[in-house]
Amino acid sequence: MKFSRQTTLRSQATVTGVGVHSGAPVSLTIGPAPIDAGIVFLRTGLDGADREVQASFGSVIATELATVLGDRNGPLVSTAEHILAALRGMGVDNALVEVDGPEVPIMDGSAAPFVAAIDQAGIINQSAPRRYIQVLKPVQVTMGASMGELRPNNSGFRVEVEVDFANSVIGRQAYHFELNPERFRREIARARTFGFMSDVSRLWNAGFALGSSFDNTLVFDEERLLNPEGLRYADECARHKVLDAIGDLALAGLPLLGTYRSVRGGHKLNHAVLTALMADRTAWRLVEGETVRRPRVAAEVVGGMVGGMIAPAFGPDVS
């Protein structure tokens, strides 16, 4: 392991878009934060004073269709996982994320626009050593047919995701990924959220996915992908689940040294595993002033490939 320092952003950068659930316009600005601040969301546009919420597993108040952060007065920021994945994936420790609406903008359904904003703002080193949460023993959670597990991995952070959908176009896919900024940018950041035409009416009637479209979601029916431009990766759905896991586990508050395995998982499972880890004080420890020598290994693609026509789109899994 070699010495590493905390990082923040050099300046501010702003993106604008719509909320995937509300369909309302929203602006998000990322900017610098002091040493040990972590990632903090500042919700503006409220009646009365602006409110801050720490990007922490303890701030999660809902996980059904997205990761929602809030406080005792209610929800503040929904669909936080993509900007969190971008910040963690690019190695940003401390940042202020200002959002003027109830949701992070969905953009194109991936983390790539947020990576571009981070590039625009720039990343700088800070004077304090980086700290990590080192997983010391396996922690596992099962929910029906779904399973999530964190286990020790002193060489860095690894994500192993398996998806298995009854939809024959997606079917079974798996993707294994060792996190570093270059590979995150190349292999994970562009993977988009996905959903099914069969769910659209139900979601709309419940007031969800009002901002979803072929521009920001991969949409499948029973026989094909409906987006005319096709997929960015043959296994884009599995890669997006990796993206979601990185964002959800960023809510540990510090980078993890461990391997996360998810089978048929989602936001609820990701949060449950992280909560279980943090609740067991014998399962982790803080490691200060060290970083990881990343293995130079190609990403593994395991399991099935996407069949049928390739294309993107509609209502979630919006995550």
Protein backbone atom coordinates (compact mmCIF):
# COMPACT_ATOMS: atom_id res chain seq x y z
CA MET A 1 0.00 0.00 0.00
CA LYS A 2 1.15 3.54 -0.64
CA PHE A 3 0.42 6.88 0.94
CA SER A 4 -2.60 8.78 -0.34
CA ARG A 5 -4.24 12.08 0.49
CA GLN A 6 -7.85 13.17 0.52
CA THR A 7 -9.21 14.94 -2.53
CA THR A 8 -11.81 17.55 -3.33
CA LEU A 9 -12.87 19.59 -6.36
CA ARG A 10 -10.84 22.54 -7.60
CA SER A 11 -13.91 24.62 -8.54
CA GLN A 12 -17.63 24.32 -9.18
CA ALA A 13 -19.46 22.76 -12.11
CA THR A 14 -23.19 22.70 -12.83
CA VAL A 15 -25.46 20.34 -14.75
CA THR A 16 -29.17 20.76 -15.46
CA GLY A 17 -31.83 18.25 -16.36
CA VAL A 18 -35.09 16.78 -15.13
CA GLY A 19 -36.01 14.54 -12.25
CA VAL A 20 -36.78 11.04 -13.47
CA HIS A 21 -39.76 10.68 -11.14
CA SER A 22 -41.13 14.23 -10.93
CA GLY A 23 -40.29 15.30 -14.48
CA ALA A 24 -39.49 18.73 -13.01
CA PRO A 25 -36.42 20.73 -14.08
CA VAL A 26 -33.52 20.62 -11.63
CA SER A 27 -30.02 22.06 -11.40
CA LEU A 28 -27.11 20.38 -9.59
CA THR A 29 -23.80 22.04 -8.72
CA ILE A 30 -20.78 20.18 -7.37
CA GLY A 31 -18.01 22.06 -5.60
CA PRO A 32 -15.16 21.92 -3.09
CA ALA A 33 -15.51 20.85 0.53
CA PRO A 34 -13.04 20.87 3.43
CA ILE A 35 -10.97 17.96 4.72
CA ASP A 36 -13.04 15.20 6.37
CA ALA A 37 -16.31 16.76 5.19
CA GLY A 38 -17.23 13.76 3.09
CA ILE A 39 -19.99 14.27 0.54
CA VAL A 40 -22.70 16.68 1.66
CA PHE A 41 -25.92 17.49 -0.20
CA LEU A 42 -27.30 21.03 0.13
CA ARG A 43 -30.97 21.15 -0.80
CA THR A 44 -32.04 24.59 -1.98
CA GLY A 45 -35.33 25.81 -3.41
CA LEU A 46 -37.24 24.94 -0.25
CA ASP A 47 -39.73 27.13 1.58
CA GLY A 48 -37.61 28.61 4.31
CA ALA A 49 -33.94 27.83 4.88
CA ASP A 50 -31.75 25.55 2.79
CA ARG A 51 -31.03 22.18 4.40
CA GLU A 52 -27.95 19.97 4.38
CA VAL A 53 -27.82 16.20 4.56
CA GLN A 54 -24.71 14.05 4.87
CA ALA A 55 -24.25 11.34 2.26
CA SER A 56 -24.41 8.56 4.85
CA PHE A 57 -26.20 5.23 5.18
CA GLY A 58 -27.94 6.74 8.20
CA SER A 59 -29.52 9.43 6.01
CA VAL A 60 -31.29 6.93 3.72
CA ILE A 61 -35.05 7.08 4.19
CA ALA A 62 -36.25 5.15 1.10
CA THR A 63 -34.80 2.63 -1.36
CA GLU A 64 -37.76 1.36 -3.41
CA LEU A 65 -37.02 2.89 -6.83
CA ALA A 66 -33.97 4.99 -5.99
CA THR A 67 -31.83 5.94 -3.01
CA VAL A 68 -33.51 8.81 -1.16
CA LEU A 69 -31.67 10.89 1.44
CA GLY A 70 -33.41 12.95 4.09
CA ASP A 71 -33.65 13.94 7.73
CA ARG A 72 -36.25 13.79 10.50
CA ASN A 73 -38.30 16.40 8.62
CA GLY A 74 -38.61 14.22 5.53
CA PRO A 75 -36.96 13.51 2.17
CA LEU A 76 -34.49 15.98 0.70
CA VAL A 77 -32.76 14.44 -2.31
CA SER A 78 -33.87 11.44 -4.35
CA THR A 79 -31.95 9.39 -6.93
CA ALA A 80 -28.64 10.24 -5.28
CA GLU A 81 -26.84 7.09 -6.40
CA HIS A 82 -25.50 8.23 -9.79
CA ILE A 83 -23.74 11.38 -8.57
CA LEU A 84 -22.45 9.40 -5.57
CA ALA A 85 -21.09 6.73 -7.91
CA ALA A 86 -19.38 9.36 -10.05
CA LEU A 87 -17.71 11.01 -7.06
CA ARG A 88 -16.58 7.74 -5.52
CA GLY A 89 -15.64 6.24 -8.87
CA MET A 90 -13.44 9.21 -9.74
CA GLY A 91 -11.81 9.26 -6.30
CA VAL A 92 -13.36 12.42 -4.81
CA ASP A 93 -13.47 12.27 -1.01
CA ASN A 94 -14.96 15.65 -0.08
CA ALA A 95 -17.59 17.56 -2.07
CA LEU A 96 -20.61 19.81 -1.67
CA VAL A 97 -23.50 18.82 -3.96
CA GLU A 98 -26.10 21.57 -4.27
CA VAL A 99 -29.49 20.53 -5.68
CA ASP A 100 -32.39 22.94 -6.22
CA GLY A 101 -35.10 20.30 -6.50
CA PRO A 102 -36.23 17.03 -4.88
CA GLU A 103 -34.20 14.83 -7.22
CA VAL A 104 -30.74 14.66 -8.71
CA PRO A 105 -31.26 15.15 -12.47
CA ILE A 106 -31.39 11.86 -14.32
CA MET A 107 -29.39 13.26 -17.28
CA ASP A 108 -28.92 10.36 -19.76
CA GLY A 109 -29.56 7.72 -17.09
CA SER A 110 -25.88 7.11 -16.40
CA ALA A 111 -23.08 8.68 -14.36
CA ALA A 112 -21.19 9.95 -17.43
CA PRO A 113 -22.57 13.54 -17.32
CA PHE A 114 -21.48 13.79 -13.67
CA VAL A 115 -18.02 12.48 -14.55
CA ALA A 116 -17.83 15.23 -17.19
CA ALA A 117 -18.79 17.80 -14.53
CA ILE A 118 -16.07 16.45 -12.23
CA ASP A 119 -13.59 16.76 -15.09
CA GLN A 120 -14.69 20.36 -15.61
CA ALA A 121 -14.32 21.21 -11.92
CA GLY A 122 -11.01 19.36 -11.56
CA ILE A 123 -9.76 17.23 -8.68
CA ILE A 124 -7.09 18.43 -6.25
CA ASN A 125 -5.25 16.80 -3.35
CA GLN A 126 -5.76 17.98 0.21
CA SER A 127 -3.26 17.94 3.07
CA ALA A 128 -4.87 15.20 5.17
CA PRO A 129 -4.39 11.45 4.63
CA ARG A 130 -7.23 9.49 3.11
CA ARG A 131 -9.08 7.11 5.43
CA TYR A 132 -10.72 3.82 4.51
CA ILE A 133 -13.21 1.40 6.01
CA GLN A 134 -11.52 -1.99 5.87
CA VAL A 135 -13.86 -4.99 5.88
CA LEU A 136 -12.53 -7.57 8.37
CA LYS A 137 -15.00 -10.43 8.02
CA PRO A 138 -17.90 -11.41 5.73
CA VAL A 139 -21.28 -9.79 6.30
CA GLN A 140 -24.20 -11.21 4.34
CA VAL A 141 -27.88 -10.29 3.90
CA THR A 142 -30.51 -12.33 2.04
CA MET A 143 -33.90 -11.05 0.89
CA GLY A 144 -35.90 -13.81 -0.74
CA ALA A 145 -34.00 -14.82 -3.88
CA SER A 146 -31.61 -11.86 -3.51
CA MET A 147 -28.27 -11.95 -1.68
CA GLY A 148 -25.68 -9.32 -0.87
CA GLU A 149 -22.34 -9.77 0.84
CA LEU A 150 -19.32 -7.72 1.83
CA ARG A 151 -16.09 -9.63 2.46
CA PRO A 152 -12.44 -8.69 3.08
CA ASN A 153 -10.25 -7.51 0.20
CA ASN A 154 -7.20 -5.55 1.31
CA SER A 155 -6.14 -4.70 -2.24
CA GLY A 156 -9.02 -2.32 -2.94
CA PHE A 157 -12.75 -2.27 -3.70
CA ARG A 158 -14.27 -4.89 -5.96
CA VAL A 159 -17.89 -5.29 -7.08
CA GLU A 160 -19.32 -8.60 -8.30
CA VAL A 161 -22.88 -8.29 -9.62
CA GLU A 162 -25.23 -10.92 -11.01
CA VAL A 163 -28.65 -10.10 -12.46
CA ASP A 164 -31.26 -12.63 -13.51
CA PHE A 165 -34.47 -11.30 -15.05
CA ALA A 166 -37.41 -13.30 -16.33
CA ASN A 167 -37.32 -10.94 -19.30
CA SER A 168 -35.59 -12.99 -22.00
CA VAL A 169 -33.91 -9.98 -23.60
CA ILE A 170 -31.86 -9.30 -20.47
CA GLY A 171 -31.81 -12.76 -18.92
CA ARG A 172 -28.82 -13.57 -16.77
CA GLN A 173 -25.75 -11.33 -16.77
CA ALA A 174 -22.79 -10.80 -14.47
CA TYR A 175 -20.01 -8.26 -14.23
CA HIS A 176 -16.97 -8.17 -11.94
CA PHE A 177 -15.13 -4.88 -11.51
CA GLU A 178 -12.07 -3.58 -9.62
CA LEU A 179 -12.62 0.09 -8.90
CA ASN A 180 -10.22 2.73 -10.15
CA PRO A 181 -11.02 6.03 -11.86
CA GLU A 182 -9.78 5.10 -15.33
CA ARG A 183 -11.75 1.89 -15.45
CA PHE A 184 -14.82 3.49 -13.87
CA ARG A 185 -14.84 6.09 -16.61
CA ARG A 186 -14.35 3.52 -19.37
CA GLU A 187 -16.42 0.55 -18.21
CA ILE A 188 -19.12 1.69 -15.79
CA ALA A 189 -19.93 5.42 -15.95
CA ARG A 190 -21.81 5.24 -19.29
CA ALA A 191 -24.10 2.34 -18.30
CA ARG A 192 -27.71 3.55 -18.17
CA THR A 193 -30.67 2.77 -15.95
CA PHE A 194 -33.25 0.39 -17.36
CA GLY A 195 -36.87 -0.65 -16.98
CA PHE A 196 -39.77 -2.48 -18.58
CA MET A 197 -42.72 -1.30 -20.66
CA SER A 198 -44.98 -3.57 -18.63
CA ASP A 199 -44.30 -1.40 -15.54
CA VAL A 200 -44.83 2.02 -17.09
CA SER A 201 -48.57 2.45 -16.49
CA ARG A 202 -48.32 1.26 -12.89
CA LEU A 203 -45.42 3.64 -12.18
CA TRP A 204 -47.10 6.62 -13.82
CA ASN A 205 -50.35 5.97 -11.92
CA ALA A 206 -48.35 5.91 -8.68
CA GLY A 207 -46.67 9.22 -9.55
CA PHE A 208 -43.29 7.73 -10.44
CA ALA A 209 -41.15 7.83 -13.61
CA LEU A 210 -42.91 10.96 -14.91
CA GLY A 211 -39.59 12.23 -16.29
CA SER A 212 -38.42 8.96 -17.80
CA SER A 213 -38.00 8.70 -21.56
CA PHE A 214 -35.94 6.96 -24.20
CA ASP A 215 -33.39 9.74 -23.65
CA ASN A 216 -32.62 8.63 -20.09
CA THR A 217 -33.72 5.02 -19.61
CA LEU A 218 -33.27 1.71 -21.38
CA VAL A 219 -36.75 0.29 -21.98
CA PHE A 220 -37.44 -3.35 -22.70
CA ASP A 221 -40.61 -5.13 -23.73
CA GLU A 222 -40.92 -8.89 -23.73
CA GLU A 223 -39.08 -9.33 -27.02
CA ARG A 224 -36.66 -6.46 -27.58
CA LEU A 225 -35.06 -3.26 -26.43
CA LEU A 226 -37.15 -0.33 -27.66
CA ASN A 227 -34.52 2.42 -27.79
CA PRO A 228 -33.52 2.89 -31.42
CA GLU A 229 -29.82 3.59 -30.77
CA GLY A 230 -29.19 0.28 -29.01
CA LEU A 231 -27.01 -0.59 -26.04
CA ARG A 232 -23.68 0.96 -25.14
CA TYR A 233 -22.49 -2.44 -23.84
CA ALA A 234 -23.95 -5.90 -24.45
CA ASP A 235 -24.18 -6.31 -20.66
CA GLU A 236 -25.22 -2.73 -19.91
CA CYS A 237 -27.84 -3.79 -17.34
CA ALA A 238 -25.29 -5.65 -15.21
CA ARG A 239 -22.84 -2.76 -15.51
CA HIS A 240 -25.51 -0.32 -14.36
CA LYS A 241 -26.12 -2.49 -11.31
CA VAL A 242 -22.37 -2.16 -10.59
CA LEU A 243 -22.75 1.63 -10.91
CA ASP A 244 -25.68 1.62 -8.47
CA ALA A 245 -23.75 -0.51 -5.98
CA ILE A 246 -20.77 1.86 -6.07
CA GLY A 247 -23.09 4.81 -5.43
CA ASP A 248 -25.08 3.13 -2.68
CA LEU A 249 -21.96 1.86 -0.89
CA ALA A 250 -20.41 5.34 -1.10
CA LEU A 251 -22.85 6.02 1.74
CA ALA A 252 -20.36 4.29 4.03
CA GLY A 253 -18.88 7.79 4.12
CA LEU A 254 -15.35 6.59 3.34
CA PRO A 255 -13.90 4.36 0.61
CA LEU A 256 -14.28 0.65 1.33
CA LEU A 257 -11.52 -1.93 1.28
CA GLY A 258 -13.57 -4.99 0.51
CA THR A 259 -15.45 -7.00 -2.11
CA TYR A 260 -19.18 -6.53 -2.56
CA ARG A 261 -21.16 -9.34 -4.17
CA SER A 262 -24.78 -8.85 -5.17
CA VAL A 263 -27.14 -11.45 -6.65
CA ARG A 264 -30.48 -10.14 -7.97
CA GLY A 265 -29.91 -7.04 -5.89
CA GLY A 266 -30.91 -3.39 -5.88
CA HIS A 267 -30.88 -0.30 -3.69
CA LYS A 268 -32.71 -1.94 -0.80
CA LEU A 269 -30.25 -4.83 -0.64
CA ASN A 270 -27.20 -2.58 -1.07
CA HIS A 271 -28.34 -0.43 1.84
CA ALA A 272 -29.17 -3.42 4.02
CA VAL A 273 -25.70 -4.94 3.57
CA LEU A 274 -23.96 -1.66 4.31
CA THR A 275 -26.13 -1.12 7.39
CA ALA A 276 -25.36 -4.65 8.59
CA LEU A 277 -21.63 -4.06 8.14
CA MET A 278 -21.62 -0.80 10.06
CA ALA A 279 -23.77 -2.27 12.85
CA ASP A 280 -21.17 -4.97 13.55
CA ARG A 281 -18.19 -3.13 15.01
CA THR A 282 -16.08 -6.30 14.79
CA ALA A 283 -16.58 -6.48 11.01
CA TRP A 284 -14.62 -3.36 10.05
CA ARG A 285 -11.95 -0.91 11.12
CA LEU A 286 -10.67 2.48 10.01
CA VAL A 287 -7.37 2.53 8.11
CA GLU A 288 -5.75 5.94 7.77
CA GLY A 289 -3.14 7.25 5.36
CA GLU A 290 -3.04 4.25 3.07
CA THR A 291 -4.36 3.48 -0.37
CA VAL A 292 -4.39 0.44 -2.53
CA ARG A 293 -2.08 -0.94 -5.16
CA ARG A 294 -4.65 -1.78 -7.80
CA PRO A 295 -4.22 -5.10 -9.61
CA ARG A 296 -3.86 -4.64 -13.37
CA VAL A 297 -6.57 -7.03 -14.40
CA ALA A 298 -9.08 -6.75 -17.18
CA ALA A 299 -12.73 -6.60 -16.16
CA GLU A 300 -14.42 -9.95 -16.06
CA VAL A 301 -17.66 -10.52 -17.89
CA VAL A 302 -19.41 -13.56 -16.53
CA GLY A 303 -22.63 -15.23 -17.50
CA GLY A 304 -25.09 -14.48 -20.24
CA MET A 305 -25.09 -11.86 -22.91
CA VAL A 306 -28.03 -9.67 -23.85
CA GLY A 307 -30.07 -11.25 -26.57
CA GLY A 308 -32.36 -9.74 -29.16
CA MET A 309 -32.23 -6.24 -30.57
CA ILE A 310 -29.85 -3.89 -28.78
CA ALA A 311 -31.20 -0.49 -27.73
CA PRO A 312 -32.08 1.65 -24.41
CA ALA A 313 -35.09 3.26 -22.16
CA PHE A 314 -38.43 3.92 -20.07
CA GLY A 315 -39.61 3.50 -16.48
CA PRO A 316 -37.31 2.02 -13.76
CA ASP A 317 -35.66 0.05 -12.03
CA VAL A 318 -34.96 3.83 -12.32
CA SER A 319 -31.72 3.74 -10.39
